[in-house]
């Protein structure tokens, strides 16, 4: 089974952190990312770009309407994603718990949401 991991952050909380604290936090991420990849179960891992460049596409009046993004109802924003292929949900949770957003960054409002995938296609 494949699982989508969404890594969230709260832009306002992250922006309120001292630059040295942000640097110290971010410097801890690569070893944790490598630990996840070393399981051999991570199929995709990505960090998303600056929010100012996001766009939202939605149907309106029979046409696709493009607006500035992100469109979200909460203060948390997806900052990264990963896909895990695991034999059980417990295995997926163990691997997802290695992600920096699940172990660090409480001050920046970091969190991970793990979602089972019903459909997955990759060329």
PDB file of N, CA and C in Angstrom:
ATOM      1  N   UNK A   1       0.838  -1.179   0.000  1.00  0.00           N
ATOM      2  CA  UNK A   1       0.000   0.000   0.000  1.00  0.00           C
ATOM      3  C   UNK A   1       0.881   1.239   0.000  1.00  0.00           C
ATOM      4  N   UNK A   2       0.433   2.246  -0.716  1.00  0.00           N
ATOM      5  CA  UNK A   2       1.170   3.507  -0.740  1.00  0.00           C
ATOM      6  C   UNK A   2       0.471   4.528   0.144  1.00  0.00           C
ATOM      7  N   UNK A   3       1.284   5.389   0.759  1.00  0.00           N
ATOM      8  CA  UNK A   3       0.787   6.425   1.655  1.00  0.00           C
ATOM      9  C   UNK A   3       1.387   7.760   1.242  1.00  0.00           C
ATOM     10  N   UNK A   4       0.548   8.780   1.215  1.00  0.00           N
ATOM     11  CA  UNK A   4       0.996  10.138   0.939  1.00  0.00           C
ATOM     12  C   UNK A   4       1.242  10.834   2.260  1.00  0.00           C
ATOM     13  N   UNK A   5       2.416  11.378   2.410  1.00  0.00           N
ATOM     14  CA  UNK A   5       2.731  12.180   3.591  1.00  0.00           C
ATOM     15  C   UNK A   5       2.754  13.645   3.202  1.00  0.00           C
ATOM     16  N   UNK A   6       1.978  14.445   3.892  1.00  0.00           N
ATOM     17  CA  UNK A   6       1.974  15.888   3.675  1.00  0.00           C
ATOM     18  C   UNK A   6       2.633  16.545   4.874  1.00  0.00           C
ATOM     19  N   UNK A   7       3.673  17.310   4.607  1.00  0.00           N
ATOM     20  CA  UNK A   7       4.412  18.001   5.669  1.00  0.00           C
ATOM     21  C   UNK A   7       3.927  19.443   5.731  1.00  0.00           C
ATOM     22  N   UNK A   8       3.321  19.820   6.841  1.00  0.00           N
ATOM     23  CA  UNK A   8       2.738  21.143   7.014  1.00  0.00           C
ATOM     24  C   UNK A   8       3.653  22.062   7.813  1.00  0.00           C
ATOM     25  N   UNK A   9       3.438  23.356   7.599  1.00  0.00           N
ATOM     26  CA  UNK A   9       4.051  24.367   8.456  1.00  0.00           C
ATOM     27  C   UNK A   9       3.084  25.532   8.569  1.00  0.00           C
ATOM     28  N   UNK A  10       3.300  26.384   9.554  1.00  0.00           N
ATOM     29  CA  UNK A  10       2.484  27.580   9.738  1.00  0.00           C
ATOM     30  C   UNK A  10       3.358  28.778   9.385  1.00  0.00           C
ATOM     31  N   UNK A  11       3.113  29.406   8.224  1.00  0.00           N
ATOM     32  CA  UNK A  11       3.998  30.494   7.776  1.00  0.00           C
ATOM     33  C   UNK A  11       4.216  31.592   8.809  1.00  0.00           C
ATOM     34  N   UNK A  12       3.167  31.995   9.531  1.00  0.00           N
ATOM     35  CA  UNK A  12       3.317  33.068  10.515  1.00  0.00           C
ATOM     36  C   UNK A  12       4.249  32.655  11.652  1.00  0.00           C
ATOM     37  N   UNK A  13       4.108  31.430  12.124  1.00  0.00           N
ATOM     38  CA  UNK A  13       4.974  30.947  13.200  1.00  0.00           C
ATOM     39  C   UNK A  13       6.413  30.822  12.710  1.00  0.00           C
ATOM     40  N   UNK A  14       6.572  30.299  11.510  1.00  0.00           N
ATOM     41  CA  UNK A  14       7.905  30.123  10.957  1.00  0.00           C
ATOM     42  C   UNK A  14       8.583  31.487  10.770  1.00  0.00           C
ATOM     43  N   UNK A  15       7.820  32.470  10.269  1.00  0.00           N
ATOM     44  CA  UNK A  15       8.369  33.814  10.049  1.00  0.00           C
ATOM     45  C   UNK A  15       8.737  34.501  11.354  1.00  0.00           C
ATOM     46  N   UNK A  16       8.075  34.120  12.454  1.00  0.00           N
ATOM     47  CA  UNK A  16       8.350  34.738  13.744  1.00  0.00           C
ATOM     48  C   UNK A  16       9.614  34.191  14.408  1.00  0.00           C
ATOM     49  N   UNK A  17      10.144  33.107  13.873  1.00  0.00           N
ATOM     50  CA  UNK A  17      11.356  32.513  14.454  1.00  0.00           C
ATOM     51  C   UNK A  17      12.579  33.361  14.116  1.00  0.00           C
ATOM     52  N   UNK A  18      13.542  33.409  15.025  1.00  0.00           N
ATOM     53  CA  UNK A  18      14.796  34.117  14.783  1.00  0.00           C
ATOM     54  C   UNK A  18      15.546  33.429  13.643  1.00  0.00           C
ATOM     55  N   UNK A  19      16.207  34.189  12.767  1.00  0.00           N
ATOM     56  CA  UNK A  19      16.926  33.594  11.642  1.00  0.00           C
ATOM     57  C   UNK A  19      17.909  32.491  12.046  1.00  0.00           C
ATOM     58  N   UNK A  20      18.611  32.673  13.159  1.00  0.00           N
ATOM     59  CA  UNK A  20      19.546  31.632  13.613  1.00  0.00           C
ATOM     60  C   UNK A  20      18.810  30.367  14.032  1.00  0.00           C
ATOM     61  N   UNK A  21      17.621  30.536  14.604  1.00  0.00           N
ATOM     62  CA  UNK A  21      16.821  29.367  14.984  1.00  0.00           C
ATOM     63  C   UNK A  21      16.329  28.615  13.745  1.00  0.00           C
ATOM     64  N   UNK A  22      15.936  29.348  12.731  1.00  0.00           N
ATOM     65  CA  UNK A  22      15.495  28.724  11.473  1.00  0.00           C
ATOM     66  C   UNK A  22      16.654  27.955  10.858  1.00  0.00           C
ATOM     67  N   UNK A  23      17.824  28.586  10.811  1.00  0.00           N
ATOM     68  CA  UNK A  23      19.008  27.951  10.237  1.00  0.00           C
ATOM     69  C   UNK A  23      19.358  26.674  11.001  1.00  0.00           C
ATOM     70  N   UNK A  24      19.316  26.732  12.325  1.00  0.00           N
ATOM     71  CA  UNK A  24      19.622  25.556  13.149  1.00  0.00           C
ATOM     72  C   UNK A  24      18.607  24.445  12.915  1.00  0.00           C
ATOM     73  N   UNK A  25      17.354  24.819  12.786  1.00  0.00           N
ATOM     74  CA  UNK A  25      16.295  23.842  12.542  1.00  0.00           C
ATOM     75  C   UNK A  25      16.460  23.183  11.172  1.00  0.00           C
ATOM     76  N   UNK A  26      16.609  23.981  10.156  1.00  0.00           N
ATOM     77  CA  UNK A  26      16.720  23.472   8.788  1.00  0.00           C
ATOM     78  C   UNK A  26      17.972  22.606   8.619  1.00  0.00           C
ATOM     79  N   UNK A  27      19.036  22.920   9.330  1.00  0.00           N
ATOM     80  CA  UNK A  27      20.270  22.127   9.211  1.00  0.00           C
ATOM     81  C   UNK A  27      20.094  20.702   9.735  1.00  0.00           C
ATOM     82  N   UNK A  28      19.069  20.483  10.555  1.00  0.00           N
ATOM     83  CA  UNK A  28      18.808  19.142  11.090  1.00  0.00           C
ATOM     84  C   UNK A  28      17.999  18.273  10.125  1.00  0.00           C
ATOM     85  N   UNK A  29      17.450  18.864   9.085  1.00  0.00           N
ATOM     86  CA  UNK A  29      16.563  18.136   8.175  1.00  0.00           C
ATOM     87  C   UNK A  29      17.266  17.106   7.281  1.00  0.00           C
ATOM     88  N   UNK A  30      18.381  17.429   6.618  1.00  0.00           N
ATOM     89  CA  UNK A  30      18.983  16.456   5.705  1.00  0.00           C
ATOM     90  C   UNK A  30      19.282  15.087   6.318  1.00  0.00           C
ATOM     91  N   UNK A  31      19.830  14.998   7.536  1.00  0.00           N
ATOM     92  CA  UNK A  31      20.069  13.661   8.099  1.00  0.00           C
ATOM     93  C   UNK A  31      18.769  12.873   8.327  1.00  0.00           C
ATOM     94  N   UNK A  32      17.707  13.561   8.722  1.00  0.00           N
ATOM     95  CA  UNK A  32      16.434  12.876   8.930  1.00  0.00           C
ATOM     96  C   UNK A  32      15.841  12.423   7.599  1.00  0.00           C
ATOM     97  N   UNK A  33      15.950  13.276   6.578  1.00  0.00           N
ATOM     98  CA  UNK A  33      15.483  12.887   5.246  1.00  0.00           C
ATOM     99  C   UNK A  33      16.240  11.658   4.752  1.00  0.00           C
ATOM    100  N   UNK A  34      17.541  11.641   4.969  1.00  0.00           N
ATOM    101  CA  UNK A  34      18.360  10.498   4.540  1.00  0.00           C
ATOM    102  C   UNK A  34      17.968   9.230   5.300  1.00  0.00           C
ATOM    103  N   UNK A  35      17.665   9.363   6.569  1.00  0.00           N
ATOM    104  CA  UNK A  35      17.229   8.222   7.380  1.00  0.00           C
ATOM    105  C   UNK A  35      15.942   7.628   6.803  1.00  0.00           C
ATOM    106  N   UNK A  36      15.026   8.493   6.370  1.00  0.00           N
ATOM    107  CA  UNK A  36      13.789   8.002   5.739  1.00  0.00           C
ATOM    108  C   UNK A  36      14.101   7.270   4.430  1.00  0.00           C
ATOM    109  N   UNK A  37      14.915   7.889   3.590  1.00  0.00           N
ATOM    110  CA  UNK A  37      15.251   7.280   2.293  1.00  0.00           C
ATOM    111  C   UNK A  37      15.977   5.948   2.468  1.00  0.00           C
ATOM    112  N   UNK A  38      16.765   5.829   3.509  1.00  0.00           N
ATOM    113  CA  UNK A  38      17.535   4.611   3.747  1.00  0.00           C
ATOM    114  C   UNK A  38      16.648   3.397   4.021  1.00  0.00           C
ATOM    115  N   UNK A  39      15.376   3.621   4.358  1.00  0.00           N
ATOM    116  CA  UNK A  39      14.463   2.490   4.568  1.00  0.00           C
ATOM    117  C   UNK A  39      14.159   1.769   3.259  1.00  0.00           C
ATOM    118  N   UNK A  40      14.395   2.435   2.123  1.00  0.00           N
ATOM    119  CA  UNK A  40      14.071   1.857   0.826  1.00  0.00           C
ATOM    120  C   UNK A  40      12.584   1.878   0.515  1.00  0.00           C
ATOM    121  N   UNK A  41      11.796   2.504   1.365  1.00  0.00           N
ATOM    122  CA  UNK A  41      10.341   2.534   1.208  1.00  0.00           C
ATOM    123  C   UNK A  41       9.817   3.872   0.701  1.00  0.00           C
ATOM    124  N   UNK A  42      10.665   4.892   0.627  1.00  0.00           N
ATOM    125  CA  UNK A  42      10.232   6.210   0.177  1.00  0.00           C
ATOM    126  C   UNK A  42      10.341   6.258  -1.344  1.00  0.00           C
ATOM    127  N   UNK A  43       9.216   6.490  -2.014  1.00  0.00           N
ATOM    128  CA  UNK A  43       9.166   6.519  -3.477  1.00  0.00           C
ATOM    129  C   UNK A  43       9.348   7.915  -4.039  1.00  0.00           C
ATOM    130  N   UNK A  44       8.878   8.928  -3.302  1.00  0.00           N
ATOM    131  CA  UNK A  44       8.973  10.324  -3.728  1.00  0.00           C
ATOM    132  C   UNK A  44       9.168  11.169  -2.478  1.00  0.00           C
ATOM    133  N   UNK A  45      10.011  12.191  -2.589  1.00  0.00           N
ATOM    134  CA  UNK A  45      10.177  13.145  -1.503  1.00  0.00           C
ATOM    135  C   UNK A  45      10.401  14.511  -2.142  1.00  0.00           C
ATOM    136  N   UNK A  46       9.641  15.522  -1.708  1.00  0.00           N
ATOM    137  CA  UNK A  46       9.753  16.842  -2.330  1.00  0.00           C
ATOM    138  C   UNK A  46       9.489  17.931  -1.310  1.00  0.00           C
ATOM    139  N   UNK A  47      10.179  19.039  -1.504  1.00  0.00           N
ATOM    140  CA  UNK A  47       9.935  20.249  -0.740  1.00  0.00           C
ATOM    141  C   UNK A  47       9.306  21.235  -1.709  1.00  0.00           C
ATOM    142  N   UNK A  48       8.242  21.899  -1.301  1.00  0.00           N
ATOM    143  CA  UNK A  48       7.504  22.772  -2.201  1.00  0.00           C
ATOM    144  C   UNK A  48       8.065  24.186  -2.201  1.00  0.00           C
ATOM    145  N   UNK A  49       7.834  24.898  -3.303  1.00  0.00           N
ATOM    146  CA  UNK A  49       8.374  26.236  -3.504  1.00  0.00           C
ATOM    147  C   UNK A  49       7.640  27.314  -2.717  1.00  0.00           C
ATOM    148  N   UNK A  50       8.135  28.552  -2.843  1.00  0.00           N
ATOM    149  CA  UNK A  50       7.592  29.699  -2.125  1.00  0.00           C
ATOM    150  C   UNK A  50       6.111  29.897  -2.410  1.00  0.00           C
ATOM    151  N   UNK A  51       5.355  30.218  -1.386  1.00  0.00           N
ATOM    152  CA  UNK A  51       3.914  30.382  -1.490  1.00  0.00           C
ATOM    153  C   UNK A  51       3.515  31.444  -2.501  1.00  0.00           C
ATOM    154  N   UNK A  52       4.343  32.468  -2.671  1.00  0.00           N
ATOM    155  CA  UNK A  52       3.986  33.564  -3.586  1.00  0.00           C
ATOM    156  C   UNK A  52       3.885  33.091  -5.037  1.00  0.00           C
ATOM    157  N   UNK A  53       4.427  31.923  -5.348  1.00  0.00           N
ATOM    158  CA  UNK A  53       4.370  31.406  -6.721  1.00  0.00           C
ATOM    159  C   UNK A  53       3.309  30.334  -6.918  1.00  0.00           C
ATOM    160  N   UNK A  54       2.559  30.001  -5.872  1.00  0.00           N
ATOM    161  CA  UNK A  54       1.511  28.989  -5.983  1.00  0.00           C
ATOM    162  C   UNK A  54       0.328  29.557  -6.752  1.00  0.00           C
ATOM    163  N   UNK A  55      -0.365  28.684  -7.475  1.00  0.00           N
ATOM    164  CA  UNK A  55      -1.588  29.044  -8.181  1.00  0.00           C
ATOM    165  C   UNK A  55      -2.631  27.967  -7.917  1.00  0.00           C
ATOM    166  N   UNK A  56      -3.881  28.380  -7.869  1.00  0.00           N
ATOM    167  CA  UNK A  56      -4.998  27.460  -7.685  1.00  0.00           C
ATOM    168  C   UNK A  56      -5.827  27.466  -8.960  1.00  0.00           C
ATOM    169  N   UNK A  57      -6.117  26.280  -9.492  1.00  0.00           N
ATOM    170  CA  UNK A  57      -6.948  26.140 -10.680  1.00  0.00           C
ATOM    171  C   UNK A  57      -8.258  25.490 -10.268  1.00  0.00           C
ATOM    172  N   UNK A  58      -9.380  26.078 -10.689  1.00  0.00           N
ATOM    173  CA  UNK A  58     -10.671  25.482 -10.364  1.00  0.00           C
ATOM    174  C   UNK A  58     -11.649  25.794 -11.493  1.00  0.00           C
ATOM    175  N   UNK A  59     -12.603  24.885 -11.708  1.00  0.00           N
ATOM    176  CA  UNK A  59     -13.590  25.131 -12.762  1.00  0.00           C
ATOM    177  C   UNK A  59     -14.584  26.216 -12.349  1.00  0.00           C
ATOM    178  N   UNK A  60     -14.839  27.113 -13.285  1.00  0.00           N
ATOM    179  CA  UNK A  60     -15.833  28.185 -13.058  1.00  0.00           C
ATOM    180  C   UNK A  60     -16.488  28.501 -14.397  1.00  0.00           C
ATOM    181  N   UNK A  61     -17.795  28.317 -14.471  1.00  0.00           N
ATOM    182  CA  UNK A  61     -18.531  28.660 -15.687  1.00  0.00           C
ATOM    183  C   UNK A  61     -18.042  27.924 -16.920  1.00  0.00           C
ATOM    184  N   UNK A  62     -17.643  26.671 -16.750  1.00  0.00           N
ATOM    185  CA  UNK A  62     -17.182  25.878 -17.885  1.00  0.00           C
ATOM    186  C   UNK A  62     -15.748  26.137 -18.312  1.00  0.00           C
ATOM    187  N   UNK A  63     -15.039  26.967 -17.597  1.00  0.00           N
ATOM    188  CA  UNK A  63     -13.637  27.269 -17.915  1.00  0.00           C
ATOM    189  C   UNK A  63     -12.783  27.081 -16.670  1.00  0.00           C
ATOM    190  N   UNK A  64     -11.502  26.935 -16.890  1.00  0.00           N
ATOM    191  CA  UNK A  64     -10.565  26.832 -15.775  1.00  0.00           C
ATOM    192  C   UNK A  64     -10.172  28.232 -15.334  1.00  0.00           C
ATOM    193  N   UNK A  65     -10.393  28.513 -14.072  1.00  0.00           N
ATOM    194  CA  UNK A  65     -10.044  29.807 -13.487  1.00  0.00           C
ATOM    195  C   UNK A  65      -8.761  29.640 -12.673  1.00  0.00           C
ATOM    196  N   UNK A  66      -7.794  30.517 -12.899  1.00  0.00           N
ATOM    197  CA  UNK A  66      -6.518  30.471 -12.184  1.00  0.00           C
ATOM    198  C   UNK A  66      -6.449  31.667 -11.239  1.00  0.00           C
ATOM    199  N   UNK A  67      -6.122  31.397  -9.969  1.00  0.00           N
ATOM    200  CA  UNK A  67      -5.961  32.469  -8.996  1.00  0.00           C
ATOM    201  C   UNK A  67      -4.689  32.239  -8.197  1.00  0.00           C
ATOM    202  N   UNK A  68      -4.294  33.275  -7.467  1.00  0.00           N
ATOM    203  CA  UNK A  68      -3.141  33.123  -6.585  1.00  0.00           C
ATOM    204  C   UNK A  68      -3.449  32.053  -5.561  1.00  0.00           C
ATOM    205  N   UNK A  69      -2.445  31.315  -5.176  1.00  0.00           N
ATOM    206  CA  UNK A  69      -2.615  30.283  -4.168  1.00  0.00           C
ATOM    207  C   UNK A  69      -1.709  30.592  -3.010  1.00  0.00           C
ATOM    208  N   UNK A  70      -1.645  29.788  -2.006  1.00  0.00           N
ATOM    209  CA  UNK A  70      -2.484  28.604  -1.872  1.00  0.00           C
ATOM    210  C   UNK A  70      -3.882  28.983  -1.405  1.00  0.00           C
ATOM    211  N   UNK A  71      -4.809  28.130  -1.716  1.00  0.00           N
ATOM    212  CA  UNK A  71      -6.159  28.294  -1.202  1.00  0.00           C
ATOM    213  C   UNK A  71      -6.302  27.317  -0.062  1.00  0.00           C
ATOM    214  N   UNK A  72      -6.422  27.823   1.127  1.00  0.00           N
ATOM    215  CA  UNK A  72      -6.516  26.953   2.292  1.00  0.00           C
ATOM    216  C   UNK A  72      -7.425  27.588   3.326  1.00  0.00           C
ATOM    217  N   UNK A  73      -8.124  26.761   4.048  1.00  0.00           N
ATOM    218  CA  UNK A  73      -9.029  27.235   5.091  1.00  0.00           C
ATOM    219  C   UNK A  73      -8.341  27.302   6.450  1.00  0.00           C
ATOM    220  N   UNK A  74      -7.107  26.856   6.515  1.00  0.00           N
ATOM    221  CA  UNK A  74      -6.413  26.847   7.800  1.00  0.00           C
ATOM    222  C   UNK A  74      -5.157  27.701   7.715  1.00  0.00           C
ATOM    223  N   UNK A  75      -4.513  27.858   8.833  1.00  0.00           N
ATOM    224  CA  UNK A  75      -3.270  28.607   8.861  1.00  0.00           C
ATOM    225  C   UNK A  75      -2.074  27.741   8.464  1.00  0.00           C
ATOM    226  N   UNK A  76      -2.261  26.426   8.483  1.00  0.00           N
ATOM    227  CA  UNK A  76      -1.194  25.517   8.078  1.00  0.00           C
ATOM    228  C   UNK A  76      -1.167  25.382   6.560  1.00  0.00           C
ATOM    229  N   UNK A  77       0.036  25.249   6.009  1.00  0.00           N
ATOM    230  CA  UNK A  77       0.228  25.118   4.570  1.00  0.00           C
ATOM    231  C   UNK A  77       1.125  23.912   4.316  1.00  0.00           C
ATOM    232  N   UNK A  78       0.855  23.183   3.248  1.00  0.00           N
ATOM    233  CA  UNK A  78       1.716  22.063   2.876  1.00  0.00           C
ATOM    234  C   UNK A  78       3.035  22.624   2.365  1.00  0.00           C
ATOM    235  N   UNK A  79       4.121  22.186   2.961  1.00  0.00           N
ATOM    236  CA  UNK A  79       5.444  22.643   2.555  1.00  0.00           C
ATOM    237  C   UNK A  79       6.251  21.557   1.882  1.00  0.00           C
ATOM    238  N   UNK A  80       5.799  20.321   1.972  1.00  0.00           N
ATOM    239  CA  UNK A  80       6.504  19.213   1.352  1.00  0.00           C
ATOM    240  C   UNK A  80       5.607  17.999   1.300  1.00  0.00           C
ATOM    241  N   UNK A  81       6.054  17.015   0.565  1.00  0.00           N
ATOM    242  CA  UNK A  81       5.289  15.779   0.454  1.00  0.00           C
ATOM    243  C   UNK A  81       6.231  14.615   0.249  1.00  0.00           C
ATOM    244  N   UNK A  82       5.723  13.430   0.549  1.00  0.00           N
ATOM    245  CA  UNK A  82       6.473  12.218   0.283  1.00  0.00           C
ATOM    246  C   UNK A  82       5.492  11.084   0.086  1.00  0.00           C
ATOM    247  N   UNK A  83       5.940  10.055  -0.606  1.00  0.00           N
ATOM    248  CA  UNK A  83       5.133   8.858  -0.805  1.00  0.00           C
ATOM    249  C   UNK A  83       5.934   7.672  -0.299  1.00  0.00           C
ATOM    250  N   UNK A  84       5.284   6.898   0.553  1.00  0.00           N
ATOM    251  CA  UNK A  84       5.887   5.702   1.144  1.00  0.00           C
ATOM    252  C   UNK A  84       5.136   4.492   0.614  1.00  0.00           C
ATOM    253  N   UNK A  85       5.866   3.442   0.285  1.00  0.00           N
ATOM    254  CA  UNK A  85       5.234   2.160  -0.021  1.00  0.00           C
ATOM    255  C   UNK A  85       5.554   1.232   1.138  1.00  0.00           C
ATOM    256  N   UNK A  86       4.529   0.849   1.884  1.00  0.00           N
ATOM    257  CA  UNK A  86       4.720   0.054   3.096  1.00  0.00           C
ATOM    258  C   UNK A  86       3.776  -1.138   3.106  1.00  0.00           C
ATOM    259  N   UNK A  87       4.173  -2.157   3.826  1.00  0.00           N
ATOM    260  CA  UNK A  87       3.348  -3.364   3.936  1.00  0.00           C
ATOM    261  C   UNK A  87       2.186  -3.176   4.899  1.00  0.00           C
ATOM    262  N   UNK A  88       2.362  -2.300   5.902  1.00  0.00           N
ATOM    263  CA  UNK A  88       1.319  -2.062   6.891  1.00  0.00           C
ATOM    264  C   UNK A  88       1.274  -0.577   7.234  1.00  0.00           C
ATOM    265  N   UNK A  89       0.166  -0.177   7.827  1.00  0.00           N
ATOM    266  CA  UNK A  89       0.061   1.211   8.262  1.00  0.00           C
ATOM    267  C   UNK A  89       1.073   1.506   9.363  1.00  0.00           C
ATOM    268  N   UNK A  90       1.325   0.529  10.220  1.00  0.00           N
ATOM    269  CA  UNK A  90       2.302   0.721  11.293  1.00  0.00           C
ATOM    270  C   UNK A  90       3.689   0.995  10.723  1.00  0.00           C
ATOM    271  N   UNK A  91       4.051   0.269   9.652  1.00  0.00           N
ATOM    272  CA  UNK A  91       5.354   0.501   9.013  1.00  0.00           C
ATOM    273  C   UNK A  91       5.393   1.903   8.409  1.00  0.00           C
ATOM    274  N   UNK A  92       4.309   2.310   7.745  1.00  0.00           N
ATOM    275  CA  UNK A  92       4.244   3.647   7.156  1.00  0.00           C
ATOM    276  C   UNK A  92       4.360   4.721   8.234  1.00  0.00           C
ATOM    277  N   UNK A  93       3.697   4.527   9.361  1.00  0.00           N
ATOM    278  CA  UNK A  93       3.787   5.487  10.460  1.00  0.00           C
ATOM    279  C   UNK A  93       5.199   5.563  11.029  1.00  0.00           C
ATOM    280  N   UNK A  94       5.864   4.415  11.156  1.00  0.00           N
ATOM    281  CA  UNK A  94       7.237   4.389  11.676  1.00  0.00           C
ATOM    282  C   UNK A  94       8.164   5.191  10.762  1.00  0.00           C
ATOM    283  N   UNK A  95       7.992   5.029   9.443  1.00  0.00           N
ATOM    284  CA  UNK A  95       8.843   5.743   8.480  1.00  0.00           C
ATOM    285  C   UNK A  95       8.493   7.229   8.459  1.00  0.00           C
ATOM    286  N   UNK A  96       7.191   7.549   8.439  1.00  0.00           N
ATOM    287  CA  UNK A  96       6.762   8.954   8.419  1.00  0.00           C
ATOM    288  C   UNK A  96       7.236   9.697   9.665  1.00  0.00           C
ATOM    289  N   UNK A  97       7.345   8.994  10.774  1.00  0.00           N
ATOM    290  CA  UNK A  97       7.803   9.622  12.020  1.00  0.00           C
ATOM    291  C   UNK A  97       9.251  10.085  11.934  1.00  0.00           C
ATOM    292  N   UNK A  98       9.987   9.611  10.930  1.00  0.00           N
ATOM    293  CA  UNK A  98      11.368  10.047  10.728  1.00  0.00           C
ATOM    294  C   UNK A  98      11.443  11.402  10.029  1.00  0.00           C
ATOM    295  N   UNK A  99      10.351  11.822   9.387  1.00  0.00           N
ATOM    296  CA  UNK A  99      10.359  13.083   8.634  1.00  0.00           C
ATOM    297  C   UNK A  99      10.619  14.258   9.573  1.00  0.00           C
ATOM    298  N   UNK A 100      11.410  15.252   9.135  1.00  0.00           N
ATOM    299  CA  UNK A 100      11.695  16.399  10.000  1.00  0.00           C
ATOM    300  C   UNK A 100      10.443  17.082  10.552  1.00  0.00           C
ATOM    301  N   UNK A 101       9.383  17.177   9.748  1.00  0.00           N
ATOM    302  CA  UNK A 101       8.175  17.862  10.214  1.00  0.00           C
ATOM    303  C   UNK A 101       7.435  17.077  11.284  1.00  0.00           C
ATOM    304  N   UNK A 102       7.773  15.796  11.447  1.00  0.00           N
ATOM    305  CA  UNK A 102       7.149  14.983  12.497  1.00  0.00           C
ATOM    306  C   UNK A 102       7.987  14.956  13.771  1.00  0.00           C
ATOM    307  N   UNK A 103       9.251  15.381  13.667  1.00  0.00           N
ATOM    308  CA  UNK A 103      10.141  15.276  14.819  1.00  0.00           C
ATOM    309  C   UNK A 103      10.714  16.612  15.287  1.00  0.00           C
ATOM    310  N   UNK A 104      10.723  17.606  14.402  1.00  0.00           N
ATOM    311  CA  UNK A 104      11.318  18.911  14.718  1.00  0.00           C
ATOM    312  C   UNK A 104      10.302  20.018  14.432  1.00  0.00           C
ATOM    313  N   UNK A 105      10.686  21.233  14.654  1.00  0.00           N
ATOM    314  CA  UNK A 105       9.946  22.390  14.165  1.00  0.00           C
ATOM    315  C   UNK A 105       8.638  22.710  14.847  1.00  0.00           C
ATOM    316  N   UNK A 106       8.500  22.332  16.089  1.00  0.00           N
ATOM    317  CA  UNK A 106       7.267  22.651  16.800  1.00  0.00           C
ATOM    318  C   UNK A 106       7.016  24.158  16.798  1.00  0.00           C
ATOM    319  N   UNK A 107       8.067  24.948  16.934  1.00  0.00           N
ATOM    320  CA  UNK A 107       7.919  26.405  16.954  1.00  0.00           C
ATOM    321  C   UNK A 107       7.422  26.944  15.616  1.00  0.00           C
ATOM    322  N   UNK A 108       7.686  26.233  14.531  1.00  0.00           N
ATOM    323  CA  UNK A 108       7.236  26.661  13.205  1.00  0.00           C
ATOM    324  C   UNK A 108       5.908  26.056  12.804  1.00  0.00           C
ATOM    325  N   UNK A 109       5.277  25.355  13.728  1.00  0.00           N
ATOM    326  CA  UNK A 109       3.985  24.756  13.435  1.00  0.00           C
ATOM    327  C   UNK A 109       4.071  23.572  12.485  1.00  0.00           C
ATOM    328  N   UNK A 110       5.172  22.827  12.524  1.00  0.00           N
ATOM    329  CA  UNK A 110       5.352  21.693  11.620  1.00  0.00           C
ATOM    330  C   UNK A 110       4.481  20.516  12.050  1.00  0.00           C
ATOM    331  N   UNK A 111       4.057  19.741  11.070  1.00  0.00           N
ATOM    332  CA  UNK A 111       3.257  18.537  11.315  1.00  0.00           C
ATOM    333  C   UNK A 111       3.291  17.678  10.057  1.00  0.00           C
ATOM    334  N   UNK A 112       2.956  16.401  10.196  1.00  0.00           N
ATOM    335  CA  UNK A 112       2.844  15.497   9.053  1.00  0.00           C
ATOM    336  C   UNK A 112       1.478  14.831   9.102  1.00  0.00           C
ATOM    337  N   UNK A 113       0.843  14.772   7.954  1.00  0.00           N
ATOM    338  CA  UNK A 113      -0.414  14.045   7.814  1.00  0.00           C
ATOM    339  C   UNK A 113      -0.123  12.857   6.897  1.00  0.00           C
ATOM    340  N   UNK A 114      -0.499  11.657   7.310  1.00  0.00           N
ATOM    341  CA  UNK A 114      -0.248  10.442   6.534  1.00  0.00           C
ATOM    342  C   UNK A 114      -1.588   9.920   6.015  1.00  0.00           C
ATOM    343  N   UNK A 115      -1.683   9.786   4.688  1.00  0.00           N
ATOM    344  CA  UNK A 115      -2.953   9.462   4.041  1.00  0.00           C
ATOM    345  C   UNK A 115      -2.786   8.230   3.154  1.00  0.00           C
ATOM    346  N   UNK A 116      -3.588   7.172   3.353  1.00  0.00           N
ATOM    347  CA  UNK A 116      -3.529   6.024   2.453  1.00  0.00           C
ATOM    348  C   UNK A 116      -3.972   6.449   1.053  1.00  0.00           C
ATOM    349  N   UNK A 117      -3.313   5.921   0.036  1.00  0.00           N
ATOM    350  CA  UNK A 117      -3.637   6.269  -1.346  1.00  0.00           C
ATOM    351  C   UNK A 117      -4.431   5.131  -1.992  1.00  0.00           C
ATOM    352  N   UNK A 118      -5.579   5.466  -2.537  1.00  0.00           N
ATOM    353  CA  UNK A 118      -6.390   4.475  -3.243  1.00  0.00           C
ATOM    354  C   UNK A 118      -5.922   4.288  -4.684  1.00  0.00           C
ATOM    355  N   UNK A 119      -5.339   5.334  -5.263  1.00  0.00           N
ATOM    356  CA  UNK A 119      -4.898   5.280  -6.653  1.00  0.00           C
ATOM    357  C   UNK A 119      -3.519   5.934  -6.744  1.00  0.00           C
ATOM    358  N   UNK A 120      -2.638   5.319  -7.505  1.00  0.00           N
ATOM    359  CA  UNK A 120      -1.296   5.861  -7.712  1.00  0.00           C
ATOM    360  C   UNK A 120      -0.860   5.474  -9.114  1.00  0.00           C
ATOM    361  N   UNK A 121      -0.411   6.442  -9.886  1.00  0.00           N
ATOM    362  CA  UNK A 121       0.094   6.170 -11.215  1.00  0.00           C
ATOM    363  C   UNK A 121       1.394   6.914 -11.392  1.00  0.00           C
ATOM    364  N   UNK A 122       2.380   6.245 -11.924  1.00  0.00           N
ATOM    365  CA  UNK A 122       3.665   6.874 -12.246  1.00  0.00           C
ATOM    366  C   UNK A 122       4.152   6.256 -13.548  1.00  0.00           C
ATOM    367  N   UNK A 123       4.638   7.076 -14.448  1.00  0.00           N
ATOM    368  CA  UNK A 123       5.128   6.535 -15.734  1.00  0.00           C
ATOM    369  C   UNK A 123       6.363   5.676 -15.559  1.00  0.00           C
TER     370      UNK A 123
END
